[in-house]
Amino acid sequence: KETFWISVLAILAAAVALFSIFQYKNRLRQIQLGALNSLV
């Protein structure tokens, strides 16, 4: 049974975390991305 949604969410969470690292000048956006990443 295909369970590719797990891998899609895992890749999305990794991408959001990496993107959040480079948003260090905008801390509010980093906090929002962190909350989004927790949901993912």
PDB file of all heavy atoms in Angstrom:
ATOM      1  N   LYS A   1       0.871  -1.180   0.000  1.00  0.00           N
ATOM      2  CA  LYS A   1       0.000   0.000   0.000  1.00  0.00           C
ATOM      3  C   LYS A   1       0.902   1.222   0.000  1.00  0.00           C
ATOM      4  O   LYS A   1       1.807   1.326   0.815  1.00  0.00           O
ATOM      5  CB  LYS A   1      -0.899  -0.012   1.231  1.00  0.00           C
ATOM      6  CG  LYS A   1      -1.869   1.130   1.268  1.00  0.00           C
ATOM      7  CD  LYS A   1      -2.850   0.970   2.404  1.00  0.00           C
ATOM      8  CE  LYS A   1      -3.802   2.135   2.393  1.00  0.00           C
ATOM      9  NZ  LYS A   1      -5.162   1.720   2.325  1.00  0.00           N
ATOM     10  N   GLU A   2       0.660   2.127  -0.922  1.00  0.00           N
ATOM     11  CA  GLU A   2       1.466   3.339  -1.021  1.00  0.00           C
ATOM     12  C   GLU A   2       1.199   4.247   0.179  1.00  0.00           C
ATOM     13  O   GLU A   2       0.051   4.492   0.522  1.00  0.00           O
ATOM     14  CB  GLU A   2       1.132   4.092  -2.306  1.00  0.00           C
ATOM     15  CG  GLU A   2       1.477   3.339  -3.568  1.00  0.00           C
ATOM     16  CD  GLU A   2       2.963   3.175  -3.768  1.00  0.00           C
ATOM     17  OE1 GLU A   2       3.710   4.117  -3.430  1.00  0.00           O
ATOM     18  OE2 GLU A   2       3.371   2.120  -4.254  1.00  0.00           O
ATOM     19  N   THR A   3       2.261   4.729   0.788  1.00  0.00           N
ATOM     20  CA  THR A   3       2.155   5.666   1.909  1.00  0.00           C
ATOM     21  C   THR A   3       3.015   6.900   1.624  1.00  0.00           C
ATOM     22  O   THR A   3       3.676   7.413   2.515  1.00  0.00           O
ATOM     23  CB  THR A   3       2.600   5.002   3.223  1.00  0.00           C
ATOM     24  OG1 THR A   3       3.958   4.592   3.088  1.00  0.00           O
ATOM     25  CG2 THR A   3       1.740   3.826   3.576  1.00  0.00           C
ATOM     26  N   PHE A   4       2.973   7.360   0.397  1.00  0.00           N
ATOM     27  CA  PHE A   4       3.848   8.450  -0.022  1.00  0.00           C
ATOM     28  C   PHE A   4       3.519   9.770   0.671  1.00  0.00           C
ATOM     29  O   PHE A   4       4.354  10.669   0.681  1.00  0.00           O
ATOM     30  CB  PHE A   4       3.839   8.619  -1.538  1.00  0.00           C
ATOM     31  CG  PHE A   4       2.531   9.087  -2.096  1.00  0.00           C
ATOM     32  CD1 PHE A   4       2.273  10.427  -2.248  1.00  0.00           C
ATOM     33  CD2 PHE A   4       1.560   8.165  -2.464  1.00  0.00           C
ATOM     34  CE1 PHE A   4       1.071  10.857  -2.764  1.00  0.00           C
ATOM     35  CE2 PHE A   4       0.354   8.590  -2.976  1.00  0.00           C
ATOM     36  CZ  PHE A   4       0.106   9.927  -3.124  1.00  0.00           C
ATOM     37  N   TRP A   5       2.332   9.880   1.283  1.00  0.00           N
ATOM     38  CA  TRP A   5       2.003  11.128   1.977  1.00  0.00           C
ATOM     39  C   TRP A   5       2.931  11.362   3.161  1.00  0.00           C
ATOM     40  O   TRP A   5       3.219  12.509   3.509  1.00  0.00           O
ATOM     41  CB  TRP A   5       0.541  11.131   2.430  1.00  0.00           C
ATOM     42  CG  TRP A   5      -0.396  11.301   1.283  1.00  0.00           C
ATOM     43  CD1 TRP A   5      -1.258  10.368   0.791  1.00  0.00           C
ATOM     44  CD2 TRP A   5      -0.537  12.452   0.446  1.00  0.00           C
ATOM     45  NE1 TRP A   5      -1.937  10.871  -0.291  1.00  0.00           N
ATOM     46  CE2 TRP A   5      -1.507  12.153  -0.517  1.00  0.00           C
ATOM     47  CE3 TRP A   5       0.065  13.702   0.432  1.00  0.00           C
ATOM     48  CZ2 TRP A   5      -1.896  13.069  -1.494  1.00  0.00           C
ATOM     49  CZ3 TRP A   5      -0.328  14.612  -0.539  1.00  0.00           C
ATOM     50  CH2 TRP A   5      -1.292  14.287  -1.485  1.00  0.00           C
ATOM     51  N   ILE A   6       3.390  10.285   3.773  1.00  0.00           N
ATOM     52  CA  ILE A   6       4.346  10.435   4.871  1.00  0.00           C
ATOM     53  C   ILE A   6       5.635  11.059   4.345  1.00  0.00           C
ATOM     54  O   ILE A   6       6.187  11.987   4.949  1.00  0.00           O
ATOM     55  CB  ILE A   6       4.623   9.080   5.549  1.00  0.00           C
ATOM     56  CG1 ILE A   6       3.350   8.517   6.173  1.00  0.00           C
ATOM     57  CG2 ILE A   6       5.716   9.214   6.604  1.00  0.00           C
ATOM     58  CD1 ILE A   6       3.492   7.099   6.687  1.00  0.00           C
ATOM     59  N   SER A   7       6.101  10.554   3.214  1.00  0.00           N
ATOM     60  CA  SER A   7       7.352  11.089   2.653  1.00  0.00           C
ATOM     61  C   SER A   7       7.174  12.523   2.154  1.00  0.00           C
ATOM     62  O   SER A   7       8.081  13.349   2.287  1.00  0.00           O
ATOM     63  CB  SER A   7       7.865  10.185   1.536  1.00  0.00           C
ATOM     64  OG  SER A   7       6.915  10.070   0.511  1.00  0.00           O
ATOM     65  N   VAL A   8       6.010  12.841   1.599  1.00  0.00           N
ATOM     66  CA  VAL A   8       5.751  14.207   1.143  1.00  0.00           C
ATOM     67  C   VAL A   8       5.780  15.176   2.327  1.00  0.00           C
ATOM     68  O   VAL A   8       6.410  16.241   2.264  1.00  0.00           O
ATOM     69  CB  VAL A   8       4.392  14.284   0.403  1.00  0.00           C
ATOM     70  CG1 VAL A   8       3.964  15.721   0.187  1.00  0.00           C
ATOM     71  CG2 VAL A   8       4.460  13.539  -0.919  1.00  0.00           C
ATOM     72  N   LEU A   9       5.124  14.794   3.421  1.00  0.00           N
ATOM     73  CA  LEU A   9       5.121  15.651   4.607  1.00  0.00           C
ATOM     74  C   LEU A   9       6.515  15.766   5.224  1.00  0.00           C
ATOM     75  O   LEU A   9       6.897  16.835   5.719  1.00  0.00           O
ATOM     76  CB  LEU A   9       4.119  15.128   5.632  1.00  0.00           C
ATOM     77  CG  LEU A   9       2.640  15.298   5.266  1.00  0.00           C
ATOM     78  CD1 LEU A   9       1.761  14.604   6.291  1.00  0.00           C
ATOM     79  CD2 LEU A   9       2.278  16.758   5.141  1.00  0.00           C
ATOM     80  N   ALA A  10       7.288  14.682   5.199  1.00  0.00           N
ATOM     81  CA  ALA A  10       8.647  14.720   5.752  1.00  0.00           C
ATOM     82  C   ALA A  10       9.544  15.643   4.920  1.00  0.00           C
ATOM     83  O   ALA A  10      10.313  16.440   5.480  1.00  0.00           O
ATOM     84  CB  ALA A  10       9.238  13.316   5.801  1.00  0.00           C
ATOM     85  N   ILE A  11       9.443  15.566   3.614  1.00  0.00           N
ATOM     86  CA  ILE A  11      10.240  16.434   2.745  1.00  0.00           C
ATOM     87  C   ILE A  11       9.804  17.892   2.912  1.00  0.00           C
ATOM     88  O   ILE A  11      10.638  18.802   2.967  1.00  0.00           O
ATOM     89  CB  ILE A  11      10.143  15.969   1.280  1.00  0.00           C
ATOM     90  CG1 ILE A  11      10.854  14.623   1.115  1.00  0.00           C
ATOM     91  CG2 ILE A  11      10.726  17.002   0.332  1.00  0.00           C
ATOM     92  CD1 ILE A  11      10.606  13.943  -0.206  1.00  0.00           C
ATOM     93  N   LEU A  12       8.502  18.112   3.024  1.00  0.00           N
ATOM     94  CA  LEU A  12       7.996  19.470   3.240  1.00  0.00           C
ATOM     95  C   LEU A  12       8.494  20.036   4.569  1.00  0.00           C
ATOM     96  O   LEU A  12       8.916  21.201   4.629  1.00  0.00           O
ATOM     97  CB  LEU A  12       6.471  19.471   3.200  1.00  0.00           C
ATOM     98  CG  LEU A  12       5.790  20.822   3.386  1.00  0.00           C
ATOM     99  CD1 LEU A  12       6.147  21.765   2.238  1.00  0.00           C
ATOM    100  CD2 LEU A  12       4.300  20.642   3.491  1.00  0.00           C
ATOM    101  N   ALA A  13       8.495  19.225   5.620  1.00  0.00           N
ATOM    102  CA  ALA A  13       8.980  19.691   6.925  1.00  0.00           C
ATOM    103  C   ALA A  13      10.465  20.016   6.870  1.00  0.00           C
ATOM    104  O   ALA A  13      10.915  21.014   7.452  1.00  0.00           O
ATOM    105  CB  ALA A  13       8.704  18.634   7.992  1.00  0.00           C
ATOM    106  N   ALA A  14      11.237  19.202   6.174  1.00  0.00           N
ATOM    107  CA  ALA A  14      12.673  19.475   6.038  1.00  0.00           C
ATOM    108  C   ALA A  14      12.898  20.758   5.242  1.00  0.00           C
ATOM    109  O   ALA A  14      13.758  21.578   5.593  1.00  0.00           O
ATOM    110  CB  ALA A  14      13.372  18.299   5.358  1.00  0.00           C
ATOM    111  N   ALA A  15      12.116  20.962   4.191  1.00  0.00           N
ATOM    112  CA  ALA A  15      12.261  22.170   3.375  1.00  0.00           C
ATOM    113  C   ALA A  15      11.884  23.425   4.170  1.00  0.00           C
ATOM    114  O   ALA A  15      12.563  24.450   4.078  1.00  0.00           O
ATOM    115  CB  ALA A  15      11.409  22.058   2.122  1.00  0.00           C
ATOM    116  N   VAL A  16      10.817  23.337   4.956  1.00  0.00           N
ATOM    117  CA  VAL A  16      10.404  24.491   5.768  1.00  0.00           C
ATOM    118  C   VAL A  16      11.471  24.813   6.806  1.00  0.00           C
ATOM    119  O   VAL A  16      11.789  25.982   7.052  1.00  0.00           O
ATOM    120  CB  VAL A  16       9.030  24.225   6.423  1.00  0.00           C
ATOM    121  CG1 VAL A  16       8.715  25.257   7.485  1.00  0.00           C
ATOM    122  CG2 VAL A  16       7.935  24.217   5.372  1.00  0.00           C
ATOM    123  N   ALA A  17      12.055  23.784   7.413  1.00  0.00           N
ATOM    124  CA  ALA A  17      13.109  24.017   8.416  1.00  0.00           C
ATOM    125  C   ALA A  17      14.334  24.670   7.777  1.00  0.00           C
ATOM    126  O   ALA A  17      14.905  25.605   8.344  1.00  0.00           O
ATOM    127  CB  ALA A  17      13.494  22.707   9.094  1.00  0.00           C
ATOM    128  N   LEU A  18      14.728  24.194   6.609  1.00  0.00           N
ATOM    129  CA  LEU A  18      15.881  24.786   5.928  1.00  0.00           C
ATOM    130  C   LEU A  18      15.593  26.218   5.488  1.00  0.00           C
ATOM    131  O   LEU A  18      16.446  27.098   5.597  1.00  0.00           O
ATOM    132  CB  LEU A  18      16.294  23.930   4.732  1.00  0.00           C
ATOM    133  CG  LEU A  18      16.956  22.599   5.078  1.00  0.00           C
ATOM    134  CD1 LEU A  18      17.205  21.789   3.816  1.00  0.00           C
ATOM    135  CD2 LEU A  18      18.259  22.830   5.826  1.00  0.00           C
ATOM    136  N   PHE A  19      14.388  26.453   4.994  1.00  0.00           N
ATOM    137  CA  PHE A  19      14.009  27.810   4.594  1.00  0.00           C
ATOM    138  C   PHE A  19      13.989  28.741   5.802  1.00  0.00           C
ATOM    139  O   PHE A  19      14.399  29.900   5.712  1.00  0.00           O
ATOM    140  CB  PHE A  19      12.645  27.791   3.901  1.00  0.00           C
ATOM    141  CG  PHE A  19      12.178  29.133   3.442  1.00  0.00           C
ATOM    142  CD1 PHE A  19      12.792  29.774   2.381  1.00  0.00           C
ATOM    143  CD2 PHE A  19      11.123  29.761   4.078  1.00  0.00           C
ATOM    144  CE1 PHE A  19      12.363  31.027   1.963  1.00  0.00           C
ATOM    145  CE2 PHE A  19      10.689  31.002   3.671  1.00  0.00           C
ATOM    146  CZ  PHE A  19      11.302  31.640   2.609  1.00  0.00           C
ATOM    147  N   SER A  20      13.537  28.226   6.924  1.00  0.00           N
ATOM    148  CA  SER A  20      13.457  29.020   8.150  1.00  0.00           C
ATOM    149  C   SER A  20      14.836  29.442   8.653  1.00  0.00           C
ATOM    150  O   SER A  20      14.975  30.519   9.246  1.00  0.00           O
ATOM    151  CB  SER A  20      12.720  28.229   9.221  1.00  0.00           C
ATOM    152  OG  SER A  20      12.609  28.973  10.396  1.00  0.00           O
ATOM    153  N   ILE A  21      15.833  28.616   8.413  1.00  0.00           N
ATOM    154  CA  ILE A  21      17.191  28.971   8.827  1.00  0.00           C
ATOM    155  C   ILE A  21      17.634  30.273   8.158  1.00  0.00           C
ATOM    156  O   ILE A  21      18.241  31.133   8.786  1.00  0.00           O
ATOM    157  CB  ILE A  21      18.191  27.837   8.498  1.00  0.00           C
ATOM    158  CG1 ILE A  21      17.941  26.629   9.391  1.00  0.00           C
ATOM    159  CG2 ILE A  21      19.631  28.309   8.659  1.00  0.00           C
ATOM    160  CD1 ILE A  21      18.755  25.404   9.012  1.00  0.00           C
ATOM    161  N   PHE A  22      17.299  30.424   6.893  1.00  0.00           N
ATOM    162  CA  PHE A  22      17.757  31.584   6.135  1.00  0.00           C
ATOM    163  C   PHE A  22      16.843  32.805   6.274  1.00  0.00           C
ATOM    164  O   PHE A  22      17.067  33.819   5.635  1.00  0.00           O
ATOM    165  CB  PHE A  22      17.939  31.208   4.670  1.00  0.00           C
ATOM    166  CG  PHE A  22      19.001  30.156   4.492  1.00  0.00           C
ATOM    167  CD1 PHE A  22      18.652  28.840   4.229  1.00  0.00           C
ATOM    168  CD2 PHE A  22      20.336  30.473   4.657  1.00  0.00           C
ATOM    169  CE1 PHE A  22      19.631  27.865   4.097  1.00  0.00           C
ATOM    170  CE2 PHE A  22      21.309  29.509   4.532  1.00  0.00           C
ATOM    171  CZ  PHE A  22      20.966  28.198   4.252  1.00  0.00           C
ATOM    172  N   GLN A  23      15.836  32.707   7.119  1.00  0.00           N
ATOM    173  CA  GLN A  23      14.964  33.844   7.408  1.00  0.00           C
ATOM    174  C   GLN A  23      15.354  34.503   8.733  1.00  0.00           C
ATOM    175  O   GLN A  23      14.517  35.055   9.429  1.00  0.00           O
ATOM    176  CB  GLN A  23      13.503  33.373   7.467  1.00  0.00           C
ATOM    177  CG  GLN A  23      12.987  32.817   6.172  1.00  0.00           C
ATOM    178  CD  GLN A  23      13.027  33.851   5.073  1.00  0.00           C
ATOM    179  OE1 GLN A  23      12.550  34.972   5.231  1.00  0.00           O
ATOM    180  NE2 GLN A  23      13.598  33.486   3.943  1.00  0.00           N
ATOM    181  N   TYR A  24      16.636  34.467   9.069  1.00  0.00           N
ATOM    182  CA  TYR A  24      17.105  34.943  10.371  1.00  0.00           C
ATOM    183  C   TYR A  24      16.923  36.439  10.572  1.00  0.00           C
ATOM    184  O   TYR A  24      16.905  36.913  11.696  1.00  0.00           O
ATOM    185  CB  TYR A  24      18.570  34.550  10.603  1.00  0.00           C
ATOM    186  CG  TYR A  24      19.528  35.069   9.572  1.00  0.00           C
ATOM    187  CD1 TYR A  24      20.155  36.294   9.734  1.00  0.00           C
ATOM    188  CD2 TYR A  24      19.809  34.318   8.436  1.00  0.00           C
ATOM    189  CE1 TYR A  24      21.030  36.770   8.788  1.00  0.00           C
ATOM    190  CE2 TYR A  24      20.681  34.784   7.484  1.00  0.00           C
ATOM    191  CZ  TYR A  24      21.289  36.006   7.659  1.00  0.00           C
ATOM    192  OH  TYR A  24      22.152  36.471   6.722  1.00  0.00           O
ATOM    193  N   LYS A  25      16.759  37.199   9.501  1.00  0.00           N
ATOM    194  CA  LYS A  25      16.560  38.648   9.650  1.00  0.00           C
ATOM    195  C   LYS A  25      15.120  38.992  10.013  1.00  0.00           C
ATOM    196  O   LYS A  25      14.854  40.071  10.514  1.00  0.00           O
ATOM    197  CB  LYS A  25      16.952  39.365   8.360  1.00  0.00           C
ATOM    198  CG  LYS A  25      18.429  39.340   8.109  1.00  0.00           C
ATOM    199  CD  LYS A  25      18.790  40.126   6.879  1.00  0.00           C
ATOM    200  CE  LYS A  25      20.294  40.044   6.657  1.00  0.00           C
ATOM    201  NZ  LYS A  25      20.696  40.782   5.468  1.00  0.00           N
ATOM    202  N   ASN A  26      14.214  38.066   9.762  1.00  0.00           N
ATOM    203  CA  ASN A  26      12.797  38.287  10.055  1.00  0.00           C
ATOM    204  C   ASN A  26      12.356  37.231  11.073  1.00  0.00           C
ATOM    205  O   ASN A  26      11.891  36.160  10.713  1.00  0.00           O
ATOM    206  CB  ASN A  26      11.977  38.198   8.766  1.00  0.00           C
ATOM    207  CG  ASN A  26      10.564  38.659   8.959  1.00  0.00           C
ATOM    208  OD1 ASN A  26      10.075  38.787  10.070  1.00  0.00           O
ATOM    209  ND2 ASN A  26       9.891  38.904   7.848  1.00  0.00           N
ATOM    210  N   ARG A  27      12.491  37.562  12.345  1.00  0.00           N
ATOM    211  CA  ARG A  27      12.214  36.588  13.409  1.00  0.00           C
ATOM    212  C   ARG A  27      10.740  36.224  13.484  1.00  0.00           C
ATOM    213  O   ARG A  27      10.399  35.098  13.804  1.00  0.00           O
ATOM    214  CB  ARG A  27      12.735  37.127  14.735  1.00  0.00           C
ATOM    215  CG  ARG A  27      14.244  37.043  14.840  1.00  0.00           C
ATOM    216  CD  ARG A  27      14.742  37.699  16.094  1.00  0.00           C
ATOM    217  NE  ARG A  27      14.375  39.106  16.200  1.00  0.00           N
ATOM    218  CZ  ARG A  27      14.992  40.096  15.558  1.00  0.00           C
ATOM    219  NH1 ARG A  27      16.013  39.824  14.771  1.00  0.00           N
ATOM    220  NH2 ARG A  27      14.608  41.344  15.706  1.00  0.00           N
ATOM    221  N   LEU A  28       9.853  37.160  13.186  1.00  0.00           N
ATOM    222  CA  LEU A  28       8.429  36.856  13.203  1.00  0.00           C
ATOM    223  C   LEU A  28       8.088  35.793  12.155  1.00  0.00           C
ATOM    224  O   LEU A  28       7.334  34.859  12.428  1.00  0.00           O
ATOM    225  CB  LEU A  28       7.604  38.123  12.971  1.00  0.00           C
ATOM    226  CG  LEU A  28       6.088  37.930  12.991  1.00  0.00           C
ATOM    227  CD1 LEU A  28       5.637  37.424  14.351  1.00  0.00           C
ATOM    228  CD2 LEU A  28       5.391  39.229  12.642  1.00  0.00           C
ATOM    229  N   ARG A  29       8.674  35.921  10.994  1.00  0.00           N
ATOM    230  CA  ARG A  29       8.446  34.916   9.944  1.00  0.00           C
ATOM    231  C   ARG A  29       9.026  33.567  10.370  1.00  0.00           C
ATOM    232  O   ARG A  29       8.442  32.520  10.102  1.00  0.00           O
ATOM    233  CB  ARG A  29       9.056  35.351   8.623  1.00  0.00           C
ATOM    234  CG  ARG A  29       8.784  34.309   7.529  1.00  0.00           C
ATOM    235  CD  ARG A  29       9.248  34.716   6.173  1.00  0.00           C
ATOM    236  NE  ARG A  29       8.455  35.839   5.713  1.00  0.00           N
ATOM    237  CZ  ARG A  29       8.957  36.822   4.956  1.00  0.00           C
ATOM    238  NH1 ARG A  29      10.209  36.800   4.593  1.00  0.00           N
ATOM    239  NH2 ARG A  29       8.192  37.802   4.569  1.00  0.00           N
ATOM    240  N   GLN A  30      10.181  33.594  11.039  1.00  0.00           N
ATOM    241  CA  GLN A  30      10.765  32.347  11.535  1.00  0.00           C
ATOM    242  C   GLN A  30       9.842  31.668  12.538  1.00  0.00           C
ATOM    243  O   GLN A  30       9.677  30.454  12.498  1.00  0.00           O
ATOM    244  CB  GLN A  30      12.115  32.606  12.208  1.00  0.00           C
ATOM    245  CG  GLN A  30      13.295  32.373  11.334  1.00  0.00           C
ATOM    246  CD  GLN A  30      14.595  32.425  12.113  1.00  0.00           C
ATOM    247  OE1 GLN A  30      14.742  33.182  13.076  1.00  0.00           O
ATOM    248  NE2 GLN A  30      15.537  31.630  11.696  1.00  0.00           N
ATOM    249  N   ILE A  31       9.224  32.434  13.409  1.00  0.00           N
ATOM    250  CA  ILE A  31       8.289  31.864  14.383  1.00  0.00           C
ATOM    251  C   ILE A  31       7.075  31.281  13.672  1.00  0.00           C
ATOM    252  O   ILE A  31       6.601  30.183  14.010  1.00  0.00           O
ATOM    253  CB  ILE A  31       7.883  32.936  15.418  1.00  0.00           C
ATOM    254  CG1 ILE A  31       9.086  33.296  16.299  1.00  0.00           C
ATOM    255  CG2 ILE A  31       6.727  32.462  16.277  1.00  0.00           C
ATOM    256  CD1 ILE A  31       8.870  34.490  17.189  1.00  0.00           C
ATOM    257  N   GLN A  32       6.565  31.986  12.663  1.00  0.00           N
ATOM    258  CA  GLN A  32       5.422  31.486  11.900  1.00  0.00           C
ATOM    259  C   GLN A  32       5.782  30.211  11.151  1.00  0.00           C
ATOM    260  O   GLN A  32       4.986  29.250  11.108  1.00  0.00           O
ATOM    261  CB  GLN A  32       4.937  32.549  10.922  1.00  0.00           C
ATOM    262  CG  GLN A  32       4.300  33.740  11.586  1.00  0.00           C
ATOM    263  CD  GLN A  32       4.053  34.883  10.621  1.00  0.00           C
ATOM    264  OE1 GLN A  32       4.605  34.919   9.518  1.00  0.00           O
ATOM    265  NE2 GLN A  32       3.223  35.829  11.045  1.00  0.00           N
ATOM    266  N   LEU A  33       6.969  30.172  10.562  1.00  0.00           N
ATOM    267  CA  LEU A  33       7.404  28.954   9.864  1.00  0.00           C
ATOM    268  C   LEU A  33       7.590  27.800  10.836  1.00  0.00           C
ATOM    269  O   LEU A  33       7.308  26.646  10.502  1.00  0.00           O
ATOM    270  CB  LEU A  33       8.701  29.223   9.092  1.00  0.00           C
ATOM    271  CG  LEU A  33       8.567  30.085   7.843  1.00  0.00           C
ATOM    272  CD1 LEU A  33       9.946  30.455   7.301  1.00  0.00           C
ATOM    273  CD2 LEU A  33       7.759  29.367   6.788  1.00  0.00           C
ATOM    274  N   GLY A  34       8.054  28.104  12.038  1.00  0.00           N
ATOM    275  CA  GLY A  34       8.192  27.064  13.058  1.00  0.00           C
ATOM    276  C   GLY A  34       6.855  26.486  13.455  1.00  0.00           C
ATOM    277  O   GLY A  34       6.719  25.269  13.650  1.00  0.00           O
ATOM    278  N   ALA A  35       5.838  27.332  13.588  1.00  0.00           N
ATOM    279  CA  ALA A  35       4.492  26.852  13.909  1.00  0.00           C
ATOM    280  C   ALA A  35       3.934  26.010  12.766  1.00  0.00           C
ATOM    281  O   ALA A  35       3.331  24.947  12.999  1.00  0.00           O
ATOM    282  CB  ALA A  35       3.574  28.026  14.206  1.00  0.00           C
ATOM    283  N   LEU A  36       4.143  26.468  11.538  1.00  0.00           N
ATOM    284  CA  LEU A  36       3.708  25.690  10.373  1.00  0.00           C
ATOM    285  C   LEU A  36       4.417  24.344  10.335  1.00  0.00           C
ATOM    286  O   LEU A  36       3.799  23.306  10.078  1.00  0.00           O
ATOM    287  CB  LEU A  36       3.984  26.472   9.089  1.00  0.00           C
ATOM    288  CG  LEU A  36       3.742  25.711   7.785  1.00  0.00           C
ATOM    289  CD1 LEU A  36       2.265  25.476   7.581  1.00  0.00           C
ATOM    290  CD2 LEU A  36       4.350  26.461   6.619  1.00  0.00           C
ATOM    291  N   ASN A  37       5.708  24.356  10.623  1.00  0.00           N
ATOM    292  CA  ASN A  37       6.487  23.120  10.601  1.00  0.00           C
ATOM    293  C   ASN A  37       6.013  22.147  11.678  1.00  0.00           C
ATOM    294  O   ASN A  37       6.007  20.940  11.464  1.00  0.00           O
ATOM    295  CB  ASN A  37       7.971  23.417  10.752  1.00  0.00           C
ATOM    296  CG  ASN A  37       8.822  22.406  10.050  1.00  0.00           C
ATOM    297  OD1 ASN A  37       8.331  21.560   9.310  1.00  0.00           O
ATOM    298  ND2 ASN A  37      10.112  22.489  10.280  1.00  0.00           N
ATOM    299  N   SER A  38       5.612  22.659  12.827  1.00  0.00           N
ATOM    300  CA  SER A  38       5.065  21.786  13.869  1.00  0.00           C
ATOM    301  C   SER A  38       3.794  21.101  13.383  1.00  0.00           C
ATOM    302  O   SER A  38       3.585  19.909  13.639  1.00  0.00           O
ATOM    303  CB  SER A  38       4.764  22.584  15.136  1.00  0.00           C
ATOM    304  OG  SER A  38       5.941  23.021  15.738  1.00  0.00           O
ATOM    305  N   LEU A  39       2.952  21.844  12.670  1.00  0.00           N
ATOM    306  CA  LEU A  39       1.734  21.242  12.120  1.00  0.00           C
ATOM    307  C   LEU A  39       2.048  20.180  11.075  1.00  0.00           C
ATOM    308  O   LEU A  39       1.421  19.120  11.044  1.00  0.00           O
ATOM    309  CB  LEU A  39       0.841  22.329  11.515  1.00  0.00           C
ATOM    310  CG  LEU A  39       0.171  23.282  12.497  1.00  0.00           C
ATOM    311  CD1 LEU A  39      -0.559  24.387  11.754  1.00  0.00           C
ATOM    312  CD2 LEU A  39      -0.771  22.521  13.404  1.00  0.00           C
ATOM    313  N   VAL A  40       3.020  20.466  10.221  1.00  0.00           N
ATOM    314  CA  VAL A  40       3.394  19.497   9.178  1.00  0.00           C
ATOM    315  C   VAL A  40       3.965  18.224   9.803  1.00  0.00           C
ATOM    316  O   VAL A  40       3.601  17.107   9.409  1.00  0.00           O
ATOM    317  CB  VAL A  40       4.397  20.128   8.184  1.00  0.00           C
ATOM    318  CG1 VAL A  40       4.965  19.094   7.240  1.00  0.00           C
ATOM    319  CG2 VAL A  40       3.727  21.237   7.396  1.00  0.00           C
TER     320      VAL A  40
END
